[in-house]
Each structure stands twice: as C-alpha cells, then as structure tokens.
Amino acid sequence: MAEEAGRERGGVAPVRPTVKARYPLTSIETSMRWRREDGSALDPWIRTHQRLGATLVSAAPESQVMTGTVAEWERWTGPAFPETGDYVIPEGLALLHVDRESDEGVYQEPNVWMRHR
C-alpha cells in the first residue's frame, strides 16, 4: 500500500523554459534538446526541475493560447503592430500573430511537459 501511494506522488507539469525567450524563432522541440557542455539542459528552469528528479516528457507547443485586440497587445507589450503578420514580443517564447483585418492578436505559448517522480 505505501509503495503504491509513493508512485502516485509525482505528476506531470508544464514548464516554461526561461531561456526560450531569447530564441522566439526556434521551435520548442528544438530548444528543449539544447544541452550545455556538461550534458545538462541549457535552460536553467528545466535544469532546476531535472535536479529535483524530473524528466522531459514532450513539447507542449500550445500550452497557453492568449488572444486580444491589436490595441490590447500594443498596450500589453509596448511595440506597435502596423500590419498583419508575426511579431517578436518582449519575453515571448514564440511569435505573436496579428491580424489587423479581424483586429486580433493571438499568442500561442509553448512549454515542455516534465514528469516529477
């Protein structure tokens, strides 16, 4: 019974890789494979989870989807979005897609799934 309960303590969690914001044009699948010379994960937040015993499970390319009007995105992020297209935003892990015709910006934040035991 105690052994069974111990197996259930872990869980799977989406982890936001902090270094990924420096590389918004790189896919989450690619960036999650990046390693330092010592073989540990390049991303410090992924490394922290790994030191706590977690393992990488898979990419979560659309972990969160956030939408807003063009004016809201301009207010939230600072830059102007003068035409339809994809934009790099401050601290974004991916590009913001702006559609001026529909007056909407859509940001799909990627994360990685990690299993804690």
N, C-alpha and C. Protein backbone atom coordinates (compact mmCIF):
# COMPACT_ATOMS: atom_id res chain seq x y z
N MET A 1 0.82 -1.19 0.00
CA MET A 1 0.00 0.00 0.00
C MET A 1 0.87 1.26 0.00
N ALA A 2 1.90 1.33 0.87
CA ALA A 2 2.77 2.50 0.91
C ALA A 2 3.52 2.67 -0.40
N GLU A 3 3.95 1.55 -0.99
CA GLU A 3 4.66 1.62 -2.28
C GLU A 3 3.74 2.18 -3.35
N GLU A 4 2.49 1.76 -3.35
CA GLU A 4 1.51 2.25 -4.32
C GLU A 4 1.29 3.75 -4.15
N ALA A 5 1.17 4.21 -2.92
CA ALA A 5 0.96 5.64 -2.67
C ALA A 5 2.17 6.44 -3.11
N GLY A 6 3.38 5.91 -2.93
CA GLY A 6 4.59 6.61 -3.34
C GLY A 6 4.65 6.82 -4.83
N ARG A 7 4.15 5.88 -5.59
CA ARG A 7 4.16 6.02 -7.05
C ARG A 7 3.24 7.13 -7.51
N GLU A 8 2.23 7.45 -6.74
CA GLU A 8 1.25 8.45 -7.14
C GLU A 8 1.65 9.87 -6.75
N ARG A 9 2.74 10.04 -6.03
CA ARG A 9 3.13 11.37 -5.57
C ARG A 9 3.57 12.28 -6.70
N GLY A 10 4.21 11.73 -7.70
CA GLY A 10 4.71 12.54 -8.81
C GLY A 10 3.58 13.06 -9.67
N GLY A 11 3.97 13.79 -10.67
CA GLY A 11 2.99 14.31 -11.60
C GLY A 11 3.68 14.89 -12.81
N VAL A 12 2.88 15.28 -13.77
CA VAL A 12 3.40 15.90 -14.98
C VAL A 12 3.01 17.37 -14.94
N ALA A 13 3.98 18.23 -15.25
CA ALA A 13 3.73 19.67 -15.18
C ALA A 13 4.27 20.36 -16.42
N PRO A 14 3.57 21.41 -16.90
CA PRO A 14 4.14 22.22 -17.97
C PRO A 14 5.17 23.17 -17.38
N VAL A 15 6.34 23.21 -17.99
CA VAL A 15 7.44 24.05 -17.50
C VAL A 15 7.75 25.09 -18.58
N ARG A 16 7.85 26.34 -18.17
CA ARG A 16 8.14 27.44 -19.11
C ARG A 16 9.65 27.67 -19.15
N PRO A 17 10.31 27.23 -20.22
CA PRO A 17 11.76 27.39 -20.29
C PRO A 17 12.16 28.86 -20.44
N THR A 18 12.85 29.39 -19.46
CA THR A 18 13.13 30.82 -19.40
C THR A 18 14.07 31.31 -20.50
N VAL A 19 15.02 30.50 -20.92
CA VAL A 19 15.97 30.92 -21.97
C VAL A 19 15.28 30.97 -23.34
N LYS A 20 14.18 30.28 -23.51
CA LYS A 20 13.49 30.22 -24.80
C LYS A 20 13.11 31.61 -25.29
N ALA A 21 12.88 32.56 -24.40
CA ALA A 21 12.50 33.93 -24.81
C ALA A 21 13.60 34.59 -25.65
N ARG A 22 14.82 34.13 -25.52
CA ARG A 22 15.91 34.67 -26.34
C ARG A 22 15.88 34.13 -27.76
N TYR A 23 15.10 33.07 -27.98
CA TYR A 23 15.06 32.38 -29.27
C TYR A 23 13.62 32.15 -29.73
N PRO A 24 12.82 33.21 -29.91
CA PRO A 24 11.41 33.01 -30.24
C PRO A 24 11.17 32.39 -31.62
N LEU A 25 12.18 32.42 -32.50
CA LEU A 25 12.02 31.83 -33.84
C LEU A 25 12.34 30.33 -33.85
N THR A 26 12.91 29.83 -32.78
CA THR A 26 13.28 28.41 -32.68
C THR A 26 12.12 27.63 -32.07
N SER A 27 11.83 26.47 -32.63
CA SER A 27 10.73 25.66 -32.10
C SER A 27 11.03 25.17 -30.69
N ILE A 28 9.99 24.91 -29.94
CA ILE A 28 10.14 24.39 -28.58
C ILE A 28 10.77 22.99 -28.63
N GLU A 29 10.46 22.23 -29.68
CA GLU A 29 11.02 20.89 -29.82
C GLU A 29 12.54 20.94 -29.95
N THR A 30 13.02 21.93 -30.70
CA THR A 30 14.47 22.08 -30.87
C THR A 30 15.11 22.60 -29.59
N SER A 31 14.55 23.66 -29.02
CA SER A 31 15.19 24.29 -27.85
C SER A 31 15.21 23.36 -26.63
N MET A 32 14.24 22.48 -26.49
CA MET A 32 14.23 21.59 -25.33
C MET A 32 15.33 20.53 -25.41
N ARG A 33 15.93 20.35 -26.59
CA ARG A 33 17.03 19.38 -26.75
C ARG A 33 18.39 20.01 -26.51
N TRP A 34 18.47 21.33 -26.42
CA TRP A 34 19.76 22.00 -26.27
C TRP A 34 20.41 21.65 -24.94
N ARG A 35 21.72 21.39 -24.99
CA ARG A 35 22.47 20.98 -23.82
C ARG A 35 23.71 21.85 -23.63
N ARG A 36 24.16 21.94 -22.40
CA ARG A 36 25.44 22.58 -22.08
C ARG A 36 26.55 21.55 -22.30
N GLU A 37 27.80 22.00 -22.21
CA GLU A 37 28.93 21.09 -22.42
C GLU A 37 28.93 19.92 -21.45
N ASP A 38 28.39 20.12 -20.24
CA ASP A 38 28.36 19.03 -19.25
C ASP A 38 27.19 18.06 -19.47
N GLY A 39 26.39 18.30 -20.52
CA GLY A 39 25.28 17.41 -20.85
C GLY A 39 23.95 17.79 -20.21
N SER A 40 23.96 18.76 -19.31
CA SER A 40 22.71 19.18 -18.67
C SER A 40 21.95 20.13 -19.60
N ALA A 41 20.69 20.30 -19.33
CA ALA A 41 19.85 21.17 -20.15
C ALA A 41 20.40 22.59 -20.18
N LEU A 42 20.33 23.24 -21.34
CA LEU A 42 20.77 24.63 -21.46
C LEU A 42 19.90 25.55 -20.62
N ASP A 43 18.62 25.29 -20.60
CA ASP A 43 17.68 26.16 -19.89
C ASP A 43 17.77 25.94 -18.37
N PRO A 44 17.98 27.02 -17.61
CA PRO A 44 18.14 26.86 -16.16
C PRO A 44 16.88 26.38 -15.45
N TRP A 45 15.70 26.71 -15.95
CA TRP A 45 14.48 26.27 -15.27
C TRP A 45 14.25 24.77 -15.53
N ILE A 46 14.55 24.31 -16.72
CA ILE A 46 14.48 22.87 -16.99
C ILE A 46 15.52 22.14 -16.13
N ARG A 47 16.73 22.70 -16.04
CA ARG A 47 17.78 22.10 -15.20
C ARG A 47 17.34 22.00 -13.75
N THR A 48 16.69 23.04 -13.25
CA THR A 48 16.21 23.03 -11.87
C THR A 48 15.25 21.87 -11.65
N HIS A 49 14.31 21.70 -12.56
CA HIS A 49 13.36 20.59 -12.44
C HIS A 49 14.07 19.25 -12.53
N GLN A 50 15.06 19.15 -13.42
CA GLN A 50 15.81 17.90 -13.55
C GLN A 50 16.58 17.59 -12.26
N ARG A 51 17.17 18.60 -11.64
CA ARG A 51 17.87 18.38 -10.37
C ARG A 51 16.92 17.87 -9.29
N LEU A 52 15.65 18.23 -9.42
CA LEU A 52 14.64 17.76 -8.46
C LEU A 52 14.09 16.38 -8.84
N GLY A 53 14.66 15.79 -9.89
CA GLY A 53 14.28 14.44 -10.28
C GLY A 53 13.33 14.34 -11.45
N ALA A 54 12.97 15.45 -12.07
CA ALA A 54 12.02 15.42 -13.19
C ALA A 54 12.74 15.03 -14.48
N THR A 55 11.96 14.46 -15.39
CA THR A 55 12.47 14.11 -16.72
C THR A 55 11.60 14.80 -17.77
N LEU A 56 12.21 15.14 -18.90
CA LEU A 56 11.47 15.71 -20.01
C LEU A 56 10.55 14.65 -20.60
N VAL A 57 9.33 15.03 -20.87
CA VAL A 57 8.36 14.11 -21.47
C VAL A 57 8.15 14.45 -22.94
N SER A 58 7.72 15.68 -23.19
CA SER A 58 7.47 16.11 -24.57
C SER A 58 7.26 17.61 -24.63
N ALA A 59 7.21 18.10 -25.85
CA ALA A 59 6.91 19.51 -26.06
C ALA A 59 5.41 19.76 -25.90
N ALA A 60 5.09 20.95 -25.47
CA ALA A 60 3.70 21.41 -25.40
C ALA A 60 3.65 22.71 -26.22
N PRO A 61 3.57 22.59 -27.56
CA PRO A 61 3.69 23.77 -28.43
C PRO A 61 2.62 24.84 -28.21
N GLU A 62 1.48 24.46 -27.70
CA GLU A 62 0.39 25.43 -27.46
C GLU A 62 -0.12 25.28 -26.04
N SER A 63 0.77 25.40 -25.09
CA SER A 63 0.41 25.22 -23.68
C SER A 63 -0.62 26.25 -23.23
N GLN A 64 -0.45 27.47 -23.71
CA GLN A 64 -1.41 28.54 -23.41
C GLN A 64 -1.67 29.31 -24.69
N VAL A 65 -2.92 29.66 -24.92
CA VAL A 65 -3.26 30.49 -26.08
C VAL A 65 -3.92 31.75 -25.53
N MET A 66 -3.34 32.90 -25.89
CA MET A 66 -3.85 34.18 -25.41
C MET A 66 -4.26 35.03 -26.59
N THR A 67 -5.44 35.63 -26.51
CA THR A 67 -5.93 36.48 -27.59
C THR A 67 -6.28 37.87 -27.03
N GLY A 68 -6.26 38.84 -27.92
CA GLY A 68 -6.64 40.20 -27.54
C GLY A 68 -6.75 41.04 -28.80
N THR A 69 -7.27 42.22 -28.65
CA THR A 69 -7.33 43.14 -29.78
C THR A 69 -5.91 43.64 -30.07
N VAL A 70 -5.74 44.24 -31.23
CA VAL A 70 -4.43 44.80 -31.58
C VAL A 70 -4.05 45.88 -30.56
N ALA A 71 -4.99 46.73 -30.20
CA ALA A 71 -4.71 47.78 -29.21
C ALA A 71 -4.31 47.19 -27.87
N GLU A 72 -4.96 46.12 -27.45
CA GLU A 72 -4.58 45.48 -26.18
C GLU A 72 -3.15 44.94 -26.25
N TRP A 73 -2.82 44.27 -27.34
CA TRP A 73 -1.46 43.74 -27.47
C TRP A 73 -0.42 44.86 -27.51
N GLU A 74 -0.75 45.96 -28.14
CA GLU A 74 0.17 47.10 -28.16
C GLU A 74 0.36 47.65 -26.76
N ARG A 75 -0.72 47.72 -25.99
CA ARG A 75 -0.65 48.21 -24.61
C ARG A 75 0.11 47.22 -23.72
N TRP A 76 -0.15 45.93 -23.87
CA TRP A 76 0.47 44.91 -23.03
C TRP A 76 1.97 44.76 -23.29
N THR A 77 2.38 44.92 -24.56
CA THR A 77 3.76 44.59 -24.93
C THR A 77 4.63 45.79 -25.27
N GLY A 78 4.03 46.91 -25.67
CA GLY A 78 4.82 48.10 -25.98
C GLY A 78 4.94 48.43 -27.46
N PRO A 79 5.37 47.50 -28.32
CA PRO A 79 5.54 47.87 -29.73
C PRO A 79 4.21 48.06 -30.46
N ALA A 80 4.28 48.79 -31.57
CA ALA A 80 3.13 48.95 -32.46
C ALA A 80 3.12 47.78 -33.44
N PHE A 81 1.94 47.38 -33.87
CA PHE A 81 1.77 46.30 -34.84
C PHE A 81 1.02 46.87 -36.04
N PRO A 82 1.74 47.52 -36.96
CA PRO A 82 1.11 48.30 -38.02
C PRO A 82 0.43 47.49 -39.11
N GLU A 83 0.78 46.22 -39.26
CA GLU A 83 0.13 45.43 -40.30
C GLU A 83 0.03 43.97 -39.87
N THR A 84 -0.76 43.22 -40.60
CA THR A 84 -0.93 41.80 -40.33
C THR A 84 0.41 41.09 -40.49
N GLY A 85 0.70 40.22 -39.54
CA GLY A 85 1.94 39.44 -39.62
C GLY A 85 2.33 38.89 -38.27
N ASP A 86 3.52 38.31 -38.22
CA ASP A 86 4.06 37.72 -36.99
C ASP A 86 5.10 38.66 -36.41
N TYR A 87 5.07 38.82 -35.08
CA TYR A 87 5.94 39.76 -34.40
C TYR A 87 6.62 39.11 -33.19
N VAL A 88 7.87 39.50 -32.97
CA VAL A 88 8.58 39.16 -31.74
C VAL A 88 8.08 40.11 -30.67
N ILE A 89 7.72 39.57 -29.50
CA ILE A 89 7.26 40.41 -28.40
C ILE A 89 8.20 40.23 -27.20
N PRO A 90 8.30 41.24 -26.36
CA PRO A 90 9.18 41.14 -25.19
C PRO A 90 8.84 39.92 -24.33
N GLU A 91 9.87 39.13 -24.03
CA GLU A 91 9.76 37.93 -23.18
C GLU A 91 8.87 36.84 -23.76
N GLY A 92 8.47 36.96 -25.01
CA GLY A 92 7.66 35.92 -25.65
C GLY A 92 8.51 34.73 -26.04
N LEU A 93 7.98 33.54 -25.85
CA LEU A 93 8.68 32.33 -26.24
C LEU A 93 8.41 31.97 -27.69
N ALA A 94 7.42 32.61 -28.26
CA ALA A 94 7.03 32.38 -29.66
C ALA A 94 6.59 33.73 -30.24
N LEU A 95 6.21 33.70 -31.48
CA LEU A 95 5.77 34.93 -32.15
C LEU A 95 4.30 35.21 -31.87
N LEU A 96 3.97 36.48 -31.85
CA LEU A 96 2.58 36.93 -31.76
C LEU A 96 2.08 37.07 -33.19
N HIS A 97 0.93 36.47 -33.49
CA HIS A 97 0.33 36.66 -34.81
C HIS A 97 -0.75 37.73 -34.70
N VAL A 98 -0.59 38.78 -35.52
CA VAL A 98 -1.53 39.90 -35.54
C VAL A 98 -2.29 39.87 -36.86
N ASP A 99 -3.62 39.97 -36.75
CA ASP A 99 -4.49 40.08 -37.93
C ASP A 99 -5.22 41.41 -37.81
N ARG A 100 -4.76 42.40 -38.57
CA ARG A 100 -5.35 43.74 -38.48
C ARG A 100 -6.80 43.74 -38.95
N GLU A 101 -7.11 42.94 -39.97
CA GLU A 101 -8.47 42.92 -40.51
C GLU A 101 -9.48 42.46 -39.46
N SER A 102 -9.13 41.45 -38.68
CA SER A 102 -10.04 40.97 -37.64
C SER A 102 -9.78 41.63 -36.28
N ASP A 103 -8.78 42.55 -36.24
CA ASP A 103 -8.41 43.26 -35.02
C ASP A 103 -8.12 42.28 -33.88
N GLU A 104 -7.26 41.31 -34.18
CA GLU A 104 -6.95 40.31 -33.17
C GLU A 104 -5.48 39.92 -33.22
N GLY A 105 -4.91 39.74 -32.03
CA GLY A 105 -3.58 39.17 -31.88
C GLY A 105 -3.71 37.85 -31.14
N VAL A 106 -2.98 36.84 -31.60
CA VAL A 106 -3.02 35.52 -30.97
C VAL A 106 -1.58 35.10 -30.66
N TYR A 107 -1.35 34.75 -29.41
CA TYR A 107 -0.05 34.28 -28.95
C TYR A 107 -0.23 32.87 -28.41
N GLN A 108 0.54 31.94 -28.96
CA GLN A 108 0.48 30.55 -28.51
C GLN A 108 1.79 30.24 -27.80
N GLU A 109 1.74 30.19 -26.48
CA GLU A 109 2.95 29.99 -25.68
C GLU A 109 3.29 28.52 -25.57
N PRO A 110 4.51 28.17 -25.97
CA PRO A 110 4.94 26.79 -25.81
C PRO A 110 5.55 26.56 -24.42
N ASN A 111 5.50 25.34 -23.98
CA ASN A 111 6.16 24.90 -22.76
C ASN A 111 6.64 23.48 -22.99
N VAL A 112 7.25 22.89 -21.99
CA VAL A 112 7.63 21.47 -22.07
C VAL A 112 6.97 20.73 -20.93
N TRP A 113 6.55 19.51 -21.20
CA TRP A 113 5.99 18.65 -20.16
C TRP A 113 7.14 17.96 -19.46
N MET A 114 7.12 18.01 -18.13
CA MET A 114 8.14 17.32 -17.35
C MET A 114 7.44 16.45 -16.30
N ARG A 115 7.98 15.26 -16.11
CA ARG A 115 7.40 14.32 -15.13
C ARG A 115 8.25 14.32 -13.88
N HIS A 116 7.60 14.61 -12.76
CA HIS A 116 8.23 14.53 -11.45
C HIS A 116 7.86 13.19 -10.82
N ARG A 117 8.81 12.57 -10.24
CA ARG A 117 8.57 11.25 -9.62
C ARG A 117 8.49 11.38 -8.12
